[in-house]
Amino acid sequence: MTAPRLSVDDLTVRLAGRHIITHLDWTVRSGEFVALIGPNGVGKTTLLRSILGLIPRAGGNITVDGEHASRVRGVLGYVPQKHHFAWDFPLTVEDAVMSGRTRSMGWLRRPRVADWRRVNQAIERADLGRLRRRPIGELSGGQRQRVLLARVLANEPKVLLLDEPFTGVDVPTQDMLVELYRQLAADGLGIVMSTHDVLGALDGCSRICGLRGRIALDVDPADVGPEYLNAWLRGREDSVPRQAAETTKARPE
């Protein structure tokens, strides 16, 4: 078995004097596409943001490939649920993706050949090649989501954290993005996606983890049915079989 790409060790997070996450241990390996589920308000976004160091931790360590995450620039890529990007600003898709490399380049430095190479690779990976010169204000919701992803990919992260990436995105675009995430995982990224879409998690992800202050559920999608996961979200998992005998996992049209 490969070594963990992302390791979360004994993580504790307190907000407003209340424990949100307590002594959480978790690993994500290269090639995994992990769905993170949990009831509303349980702290899924808090967990992702604490891994990134955006929320103070009361305890615990975060490492990527054995290195402390804070010491390795760009190893963690994050696409937040609500991204306050200036879509009415006069930028092309290419410019917007390049803006994601500002931290790596420095605020006052001009892009170098290596920067443009990474931006072009990210644009192609996100299937935006035909749109690279298009103003971002003309993009659809799904195209904007791909721009946000390309901005992150331009920094060549090892771990990708996605917070409810399908909010406001139509089903065909969701399917396209899921396939892209699966390809990225196959190329070696470790991907974590917080989601409320149980059927989508069963259909697209390689692993499902459930959060209740800690990782309280960790299963292979092939081993559970949607009824069980929905019951788990309500705290009533003992009331239904773990895997229904005749269960369809396809999302409705």
C-alpha atoms as a PDB file:
ATOM      1  CA  MET A   1       0.000   0.000   0.000  1.00  0.00           C
ATOM      2  CA  THR A   2       1.287   3.451  -0.894  1.00  0.00           C
ATOM      3  CA  ALA A   3       2.209   5.957   1.810  1.00  0.00           C
ATOM      4  CA  PRO A   4      -0.446   8.575   2.618  1.00  0.00           C
ATOM      5  CA  ARG A   5      -0.407  11.665   0.437  1.00  0.00           C
ATOM      6  CA  LEU A   6      -2.312  13.678   3.071  1.00  0.00           C
ATOM      7  CA  SER A   7      -2.057  12.875   6.774  1.00  0.00           C
ATOM      8  CA  VAL A   8      -4.174  14.545   9.454  1.00  0.00           C
ATOM      9  CA  ASP A   9      -2.952  13.607  12.912  1.00  0.00           C
ATOM     10  CA  ASP A  10      -4.842  14.320  16.160  1.00  0.00           C
ATOM     11  CA  LEU A  11      -6.560  17.407  14.743  1.00  0.00           C
ATOM     12  CA  THR A  12      -8.655  19.462  17.146  1.00  0.00           C
ATOM     13  CA  VAL A  13     -10.491  22.661  16.170  1.00  0.00           C
ATOM     14  CA  ARG A  14     -12.440  24.964  18.500  1.00  0.00           C
ATOM     15  CA  LEU A  15     -14.621  27.809  17.271  1.00  0.00           C
ATOM     16  CA  ALA A  16     -16.392  30.260  19.600  1.00  0.00           C
ATOM     17  CA  GLY A  17     -15.372  28.102  22.535  1.00  0.00           C
ATOM     18  CA  ARG A  18     -16.971  24.960  21.088  1.00  0.00           C
ATOM     19  CA  HIS A  19     -15.189  21.836  19.868  1.00  0.00           C
ATOM     20  CA  ILE A  20     -16.020  21.300  16.199  1.00  0.00           C
ATOM     21  CA  ILE A  21     -13.391  18.642  15.500  1.00  0.00           C
ATOM     22  CA  THR A  22     -11.811  16.520  18.229  1.00  0.00           C
ATOM     23  CA  HIS A  23      -8.661  14.363  17.948  1.00  0.00           C
ATOM     24  CA  LEU A  24      -9.314  13.552  14.296  1.00  0.00           C
ATOM     25  CA  ASP A  25      -6.961  11.152  12.501  1.00  0.00           C
ATOM     26  CA  TRP A  26      -7.320  10.742   8.747  1.00  0.00           C
ATOM     27  CA  THR A  27      -5.278   9.851   5.686  1.00  0.00           C
ATOM     28  CA  VAL A  28      -5.865  10.282   1.969  1.00  0.00           C
ATOM     29  CA  ARG A  29      -3.663   8.391  -0.462  1.00  0.00           C
ATOM     30  CA  SER A  30      -2.480   9.165  -3.950  1.00  0.00           C
ATOM     31  CA  GLY A  31      -5.149   8.176  -6.459  1.00  0.00           C
ATOM     32  CA  GLU A  32      -8.092   8.413  -4.065  1.00  0.00           C
ATOM     33  CA  PHE A  33     -11.179  10.498  -4.815  1.00  0.00           C
ATOM     34  CA  VAL A  34     -12.800  10.822  -1.396  1.00  0.00           C
ATOM     35  CA  ALA A  35     -16.295  12.092  -0.686  1.00  0.00           C
ATOM     36  CA  LEU A  36     -16.625  13.828   2.678  1.00  0.00           C
ATOM     37  CA  ILE A  37     -20.220  13.734   3.913  1.00  0.00           C
ATOM     38  CA  GLY A  38     -21.917  14.848   7.097  1.00  0.00           C
ATOM     39  CA  PRO A  39     -25.046  16.596   8.392  1.00  0.00           C
ATOM     40  CA  ASN A  40     -25.384  20.333   7.821  1.00  0.00           C
ATOM     41  CA  GLY A  41     -23.266  22.308  10.261  1.00  0.00           C
ATOM     42  CA  VAL A  42     -21.105  19.357  11.275  1.00  0.00           C
ATOM     43  CA  GLY A  43     -17.908  21.101  10.174  1.00  0.00           C
ATOM     44  CA  LYS A  44     -16.964  19.810   6.728  1.00  0.00           C
ATOM     45  CA  THR A  45     -15.828  23.249   5.532  1.00  0.00           C
ATOM     46  CA  THR A  46     -14.122  23.827   8.879  1.00  0.00           C
ATOM     47  CA  LEU A  47     -12.153  20.607   8.416  1.00  0.00           C
ATOM     48  CA  LEU A  48     -11.006  21.560   4.925  1.00  0.00           C
ATOM     49  CA  ARG A  49     -10.060  25.085   5.969  1.00  0.00           C
ATOM     50  CA  SER A  50      -8.199  23.863   9.041  1.00  0.00           C
ATOM     51  CA  ILE A  51      -6.190  21.459   6.865  1.00  0.00           C
ATOM     52  CA  LEU A  52      -5.237  24.478   4.752  1.00  0.00           C
ATOM     53  CA  GLY A  53      -4.248  26.482   7.825  1.00  0.00           C
ATOM     54  CA  LEU A  54      -6.990  29.063   7.206  1.00  0.00           C
ATOM     55  CA  ILE A  55      -8.565  28.295  10.595  1.00  0.00           C
ATOM     56  CA  PRO A  56      -6.415  28.072  13.741  1.00  0.00           C
ATOM     57  CA  ARG A  57      -5.961  24.544  15.065  1.00  0.00           C
ATOM     58  CA  ALA A  58      -6.138  23.819  18.778  1.00  0.00           C
ATOM     59  CA  GLY A  59      -3.952  20.780  18.164  1.00  0.00           C
ATOM     60  CA  GLY A  60      -2.721  18.377  15.541  1.00  0.00           C
ATOM     61  CA  ASN A  61      -0.464  18.213  12.500  1.00  0.00           C
ATOM     62  CA  ILE A  62      -1.053  18.224   8.750  1.00  0.00           C
ATOM     63  CA  THR A  63       1.529  16.665   6.430  1.00  0.00           C
ATOM     64  CA  VAL A  64       1.670  16.068   2.678  1.00  0.00           C
ATOM     65  CA  ASP A  65       4.037  13.319   1.521  1.00  0.00           C
ATOM     66  CA  GLY A  66       5.577  13.419   4.980  1.00  0.00           C
ATOM     67  CA  GLU A  67       6.368  17.153   4.846  1.00  0.00           C
ATOM     68  CA  HIS A  68       4.590  19.668   7.051  1.00  0.00           C
ATOM     69  CA  ALA A  69       2.038  21.319   4.752  1.00  0.00           C
ATOM     70  CA  SER A  70       2.997  24.849   5.825  1.00  0.00           C
ATOM     71  CA  ARG A  71       6.551  24.333   4.565  1.00  0.00           C
ATOM     72  CA  VAL A  72       5.659  23.251   1.036  1.00  0.00           C
ATOM     73  CA  ARG A  73       4.107  25.979  -1.088  1.00  0.00           C
ATOM     74  CA  GLY A  74       1.256  24.983  -3.352  1.00  0.00           C
ATOM     75  CA  VAL A  75       0.941  21.328  -2.310  1.00  0.00           C
ATOM     76  CA  LEU A  76      -2.651  21.870  -1.170  1.00  0.00           C
ATOM     77  CA  GLY A  77      -5.116  23.140  -3.760  1.00  0.00           C
ATOM     78  CA  TYR A  78      -8.501  24.464  -2.624  1.00  0.00           C
ATOM     79  CA  VAL A  79     -11.696  25.307  -4.505  1.00  0.00           C
ATOM     80  CA  PRO A  80     -14.066  26.847  -1.918  1.00  0.00           C
ATOM     81  CA  GLN A  81     -17.841  26.565  -1.996  1.00  0.00           C
ATOM     82  CA  LYS A  82     -18.307  30.285  -2.556  1.00  0.00           C
ATOM     83  CA  HIS A  83     -15.532  31.958  -4.485  1.00  0.00           C
ATOM     84  CA  HIS A  84     -15.760  35.739  -4.528  1.00  0.00           C
ATOM     85  CA  PHE A  85     -14.075  36.166  -7.876  1.00  0.00           C
ATOM     86  CA  ALA A  86     -14.591  39.383  -9.872  1.00  0.00           C
ATOM     87  CA  TRP A  87     -16.294  37.805 -12.871  1.00  0.00           C
ATOM     88  CA  ASP A  88     -17.138  41.240 -14.297  1.00  0.00           C
ATOM     89  CA  PHE A  89     -13.444  42.228 -14.373  1.00  0.00           C
ATOM     90  CA  PRO A  90     -12.011  42.501 -17.928  1.00  0.00           C
ATOM     91  CA  LEU A  91      -9.933  39.307 -17.867  1.00  0.00           C
ATOM     92  CA  THR A  92      -9.705  36.428 -20.290  1.00  0.00           C
ATOM     93  CA  VAL A  93      -9.815  32.829 -19.106  1.00  0.00           C
ATOM     94  CA  GLU A  94      -6.054  32.657 -19.595  1.00  0.00           C
ATOM     95  CA  ASP A  95      -5.487  35.755 -17.448  1.00  0.00           C
ATOM     96  CA  ALA A  96      -7.768  34.430 -14.715  1.00  0.00           C
ATOM     97  CA  VAL A  97      -5.905  31.132 -14.543  1.00  0.00           C
ATOM     98  CA  MET A  98      -2.556  32.957 -14.445  1.00  0.00           C
ATOM     99  CA  SER A  99      -3.831  35.003 -11.492  1.00  0.00           C
ATOM    100  CA  GLY A 100      -3.793  31.785  -9.494  1.00  0.00           C
ATOM    101  CA  ARG A 101       0.004  31.722  -9.740  1.00  0.00           C
ATOM    102  CA  THR A 102       0.464  35.105  -8.068  1.00  0.00           C
ATOM    103  CA  ARG A 103       1.518  33.556  -4.782  1.00  0.00           C
ATOM    104  CA  SER A 104       4.133  31.387  -6.492  1.00  0.00           C
ATOM    105  CA  MET A 105       5.462  34.182  -8.705  1.00  0.00           C
ATOM    106  CA  GLY A 106       5.295  37.038  -6.220  1.00  0.00           C
ATOM    107  CA  TRP A 107       3.011  40.049  -6.536  1.00  0.00           C
ATOM    108  CA  LEU A 108       5.333  42.238  -8.620  1.00  0.00           C
ATOM    109  CA  ARG A 109       6.951  39.656 -10.897  1.00  0.00           C
ATOM    110  CA  ARG A 110       5.954  39.061 -14.486  1.00  0.00           C
ATOM    111  CA  PRO A 111       5.083  35.514 -15.589  1.00  0.00           C
ATOM    112  CA  ARG A 112       7.991  33.476 -16.846  1.00  0.00           C
ATOM    113  CA  VAL A 113       8.006  30.743 -19.469  1.00  0.00           C
ATOM    114  CA  ALA A 114       7.554  28.115 -16.744  1.00  0.00           C
ATOM    115  CA  ASP A 115       4.498  29.972 -15.414  1.00  0.00           C
ATOM    116  CA  TRP A 116       2.869  30.099 -18.841  1.00  0.00           C
ATOM    117  CA  ARG A 117       3.637  26.409 -19.367  1.00  0.00           C
ATOM    118  CA  ARG A 118       1.828  25.473 -16.163  1.00  0.00           C
ATOM    119  CA  VAL A 119      -1.095  27.748 -16.977  1.00  0.00           C
ATOM    120  CA  ASN A 120      -1.455  26.248 -20.457  1.00  0.00           C
ATOM    121  CA  GLN A 121      -1.326  22.726 -19.035  1.00  0.00           C
ATOM    122  CA  ALA A 122      -4.006  23.601 -16.482  1.00  0.00           C
ATOM    123  CA  ILE A 123      -6.227  25.178 -19.133  1.00  0.00           C
ATOM    124  CA  GLU A 124      -6.012  22.098 -21.315  1.00  0.00           C
ATOM    125  CA  ARG A 125      -6.574  19.798 -18.343  1.00  0.00           C
ATOM    126  CA  ALA A 126      -9.755  21.653 -17.433  1.00  0.00           C
ATOM    127  CA  ASP A 127     -10.929  21.459 -21.065  1.00  0.00           C
ATOM    128  CA  LEU A 128     -10.816  25.244 -21.509  1.00  0.00           C
ATOM    129  CA  GLY A 129      -8.527  25.399 -24.517  1.00  0.00           C
ATOM    130  CA  ARG A 130     -11.227  26.711 -26.852  1.00  0.00           C
ATOM    131  CA  LEU A 131     -12.166  29.378 -24.312  1.00  0.00           C
ATOM    132  CA  ARG A 132      -8.734  30.667 -23.314  1.00  0.00           C
ATOM    133  CA  ARG A 133      -9.262  34.072 -24.964  1.00  0.00           C
ATOM    134  CA  ARG A 134     -12.873  34.478 -23.884  1.00  0.00           C
ATOM    135  CA  PRO A 135     -13.743  37.184 -21.315  1.00  0.00           C
ATOM    136  CA  ILE A 136     -14.628  35.540 -18.028  1.00  0.00           C
ATOM    137  CA  GLY A 137     -17.829  37.596 -17.815  1.00  0.00           C
ATOM    138  CA  GLU A 138     -19.236  35.592 -20.747  1.00  0.00           C
ATOM    139  CA  LEU A 139     -18.783  32.186 -19.124  1.00  0.00           C
ATOM    140  CA  SER A 140     -21.517  29.857 -17.917  1.00  0.00           C
ATOM    141  CA  GLY A 141     -21.615  28.592 -14.331  1.00  0.00           C
ATOM    142  CA  GLY A 142     -19.984  25.295 -15.276  1.00  0.00           C
ATOM    143  CA  GLN A 143     -17.252  27.045 -17.270  1.00  0.00           C
ATOM    144  CA  ARG A 144     -16.532  29.312 -14.314  1.00  0.00           C
ATOM    145  CA  GLN A 145     -16.179  26.280 -12.070  1.00  0.00           C
ATOM    146  CA  ARG A 146     -13.592  24.878 -14.493  1.00  0.00           C
ATOM    147  CA  VAL A 147     -11.705  28.203 -14.454  1.00  0.00           C
ATOM    148  CA  LEU A 148     -11.512  28.044 -10.647  1.00  0.00           C
ATOM    149  CA  LEU A 149     -10.225  24.485 -10.881  1.00  0.00           C
ATOM    150  CA  ALA A 150      -7.639  25.448 -13.524  1.00  0.00           C
ATOM    151  CA  ARG A 151      -6.379  28.297 -11.293  1.00  0.00           C
ATOM    152  CA  VAL A 152      -5.642  25.699  -8.617  1.00  0.00           C
ATOM    153  CA  LEU A 153      -4.136  23.153 -11.018  1.00  0.00           C
ATOM    154  CA  ALA A 154      -1.725  25.789 -12.351  1.00  0.00           C
ATOM    155  CA  ASN A 155       0.146  25.464  -9.048  1.00  0.00           C
ATOM    156  CA  GLU A 156       0.517  21.692  -9.492  1.00  0.00           C
ATOM    157  CA  PRO A 157      -0.933  20.638  -6.114  1.00  0.00           C
ATOM    158  CA  LYS A 158      -0.548  17.151  -4.700  1.00  0.00           C
ATOM    159  CA  VAL A 159      -3.848  17.282  -2.813  1.00  0.00           C
ATOM    160  CA  LEU A 160      -7.050  18.883  -4.066  1.00  0.00           C
ATOM    161  CA  LEU A 161      -9.742  19.985  -1.599  1.00  0.00           C
ATOM    162  CA  LEU A 162     -13.166  20.740  -3.079  1.00  0.00           C
ATOM    163  CA  ASP A 163     -15.928  22.299  -0.979  1.00  0.00           C
ATOM    164  CA  GLU A 164     -19.352  21.504  -2.467  1.00  0.00           C
ATOM    165  CA  PRO A 165     -18.064  21.985  -6.041  1.00  0.00           C
ATOM    166  CA  PHE A 166     -21.399  21.221  -7.699  1.00  0.00           C
ATOM    167  CA  THR A 167     -23.474  23.966  -6.095  1.00  0.00           C
ATOM    168  CA  GLY A 168     -25.350  25.740  -8.907  1.00  0.00           C
ATOM    169  CA  VAL A 169     -23.900  23.445 -11.595  1.00  0.00           C
ATOM    170  CA  ASP A 170     -26.134  21.450 -13.949  1.00  0.00           C
ATOM    171  CA  VAL A 171     -25.998  17.637 -14.089  1.00  0.00           C
ATOM    172  CA  PRO A 172     -24.087  17.330 -17.420  1.00  0.00           C
ATOM    173  CA  THR A 173     -21.400  19.672 -16.082  1.00  0.00           C
ATOM    174  CA  GLN A 174     -21.286  17.719 -12.817  1.00  0.00           C
ATOM    175  CA  ASP A 175     -20.717  14.517 -14.763  1.00  0.00           C
ATOM    176  CA  MET A 176     -17.920  16.147 -16.778  1.00  0.00           C
ATOM    177  CA  LEU A 177     -16.243  17.469 -13.632  1.00  0.00           C
ATOM    178  CA  VAL A 178     -16.510  14.114 -11.844  1.00  0.00           C
ATOM    179  CA  GLU A 179     -14.776  12.445 -14.771  1.00  0.00           C
ATOM    180  CA  LEU A 180     -12.058  15.109 -14.680  1.00  0.00           C
ATOM    181  CA  TYR A 181     -11.558  14.609 -10.928  1.00  0.00           C
ATOM    182  CA  ARG A 182     -11.287  10.865 -11.459  1.00  0.00           C
ATOM    183  CA  GLN A 183      -8.637  11.417 -14.133  1.00  0.00           C
ATOM    184  CA  LEU A 184      -6.690  13.744 -11.829  1.00  0.00           C
ATOM    185  CA  ALA A 185      -6.811  11.132  -9.075  1.00  0.00           C
ATOM    186  CA  ALA A 186      -5.603   8.492 -11.526  1.00  0.00           C
ATOM    187  CA  ASP A 187      -2.638  10.757 -12.238  1.00  0.00           C
ATOM    188  CA  GLY A 188      -1.668  10.697  -8.574  1.00  0.00           C
ATOM    189  CA  LEU A 189      -3.536  13.482  -6.835  1.00  0.00           C
ATOM    190  CA  GLY A 190      -5.354  12.842  -3.593  1.00  0.00           C
ATOM    191  CA  ILE A 191      -8.786  14.487  -3.859  1.00  0.00           C
ATOM    192  CA  VAL A 192     -11.273  15.272  -1.090  1.00  0.00           C
ATOM    193  CA  MET A 193     -14.726  16.592  -2.013  1.00  0.00           C
ATOM    194  CA  SER A 194     -17.246  17.697   0.589  1.00  0.00           C
ATOM    195  CA  THR A 195     -20.717  17.006  -0.736  1.00  0.00           C
ATOM    196  CA  HIS A 196     -24.387  16.605   0.142  1.00  0.00           C
ATOM    197  CA  ASP A 197     -24.969  14.460  -2.964  1.00  0.00           C
ATOM    198  CA  VAL A 198     -25.026  10.896  -1.663  1.00  0.00           C
ATOM    199  CA  LEU A 199     -25.855   9.388  -5.056  1.00  0.00           C
ATOM    200  CA  GLY A 200     -23.110  11.365  -6.745  1.00  0.00           C
ATOM    201  CA  ALA A 201     -20.613  10.232  -4.100  1.00  0.00           C
ATOM    202  CA  LEU A 202     -21.601   6.605  -4.599  1.00  0.00           C
ATOM    203  CA  ASP A 203     -21.393   6.915  -8.364  1.00  0.00           C
ATOM    204  CA  GLY A 204     -18.186   8.915  -8.744  1.00  0.00           C
ATOM    205  CA  CYS A 205     -15.922   8.540  -5.718  1.00  0.00           C
ATOM    206  CA  SER A 206     -13.556   5.767  -4.680  1.00  0.00           C
ATOM    207  CA  ARG A 207     -14.128   6.223  -0.943  1.00  0.00           C
ATOM    208  CA  ILE A 208     -16.745   7.808   1.312  1.00  0.00           C
ATOM    209  CA  CYS A 209     -15.912   9.302   4.707  1.00  0.00           C
ATOM    210  CA  GLY A 210     -18.445  10.696   7.168  1.00  0.00           C
ATOM    211  CA  LEU A 211     -17.711  13.452   9.675  1.00  0.00           C
ATOM    212  CA  ARG A 212     -19.164  13.643  13.196  1.00  0.00           C
ATOM    213  CA  GLY A 213     -16.506  15.589  15.051  1.00  0.00           C
ATOM    214  CA  ARG A 214     -14.136  12.915  13.793  1.00  0.00           C
ATOM    215  CA  ILE A 215     -14.121  10.510  10.854  1.00  0.00           C
ATOM    216  CA  ALA A 216     -16.961   8.270  12.026  1.00  0.00           C
ATOM    217  CA  LEU A 217     -17.578   6.510   8.699  1.00  0.00           C
ATOM    218  CA  ASP A 218     -15.018   5.241   6.186  1.00  0.00           C
ATOM    219  CA  VAL A 219     -16.364   2.920   3.493  1.00  0.00           C
ATOM    220  CA  ASP A 220     -15.948   1.721  -0.059  1.00  0.00           C
ATOM    221  CA  PRO A 221     -18.923   2.954  -2.150  1.00  0.00           C
ATOM    222  CA  ALA A 222     -19.444  -0.604  -3.372  1.00  0.00           C
ATOM    223  CA  ASP A 223     -20.177  -1.711   0.193  1.00  0.00           C
ATOM    224  CA  VAL A 224     -23.045   0.652   1.031  1.00  0.00           C
ATOM    225  CA  GLY A 225     -26.341   1.775  -0.439  1.00  0.00           C
ATOM    226  CA  PRO A 226     -27.882   5.252  -0.543  1.00  0.00           C
ATOM    227  CA  GLU A 227     -30.511   4.334   2.038  1.00  0.00           C
ATOM    228  CA  TYR A 228     -27.787   3.506   4.543  1.00  0.00           C
ATOM    229  CA  LEU A 229     -25.850   6.728   3.879  1.00  0.00           C
ATOM    230  CA  ASN A 230     -28.977   8.869   4.147  1.00  0.00           C
ATOM    231  CA  ALA A 231     -29.846   7.125   7.404  1.00  0.00           C
ATOM    232  CA  TRP A 232     -26.261   7.682   8.631  1.00  0.00           C
ATOM    233  CA  LEU A 233     -26.639  11.406   7.959  1.00  0.00           C
ATOM    234  CA  ARG A 234     -29.723  11.373  10.204  1.00  0.00           C
ATOM    235  CA  GLY A 235     -27.970   9.305  12.894  1.00  0.00           C
ATOM    236  CA  ARG A 236     -30.238   6.312  12.206  1.00  0.00           C
ATOM    237  CA  GLU A 237     -27.917   3.974  10.320  1.00  0.00           C
ATOM    238  CA  ASP A 238     -28.903   1.012  12.514  1.00  0.00           C
ATOM    239  CA  SER A 239     -32.412   1.176  11.077  1.00  0.00           C
ATOM    240  CA  VAL A 240     -31.499   0.118   7.503  1.00  0.00           C
ATOM    241  CA  PRO A 241     -29.249  -2.506   5.900  1.00  0.00           C
ATOM    242  CA  ARG A 242     -25.719  -1.332   5.129  1.00  0.00           C
ATOM    243  CA  GLN A 243     -26.113  -2.497   1.498  1.00  0.00           C
ATOM    244  CA  ALA A 244     -29.579  -2.976  -0.008  1.00  0.00           C
ATOM    245  CA  ALA A 245     -29.876  -6.069  -2.199  1.00  0.00           C
ATOM    246  CA  GLU A 246     -31.487  -4.289  -5.118  1.00  0.00           C
ATOM    247  CA  THR A 247     -30.313  -0.684  -5.042  1.00  0.00           C
ATOM    248  CA  THR A 248     -29.786   1.619  -7.981  1.00  0.00           C
ATOM    249  CA  LYS A 249     -27.072   4.211  -7.528  1.00  0.00           C
ATOM    250  CA  ALA A 250     -27.813   6.124 -10.684  1.00  0.00           C
ATOM    251  CA  ARG A 251     -28.785   9.769 -10.262  1.00  0.00           C
ATOM    252  CA  PRO A 252     -32.200  10.780 -11.601  1.00  0.00           C
ATOM    253  CA  GLU A 253     -32.267  12.320 -15.058  1.00  0.00           C
END
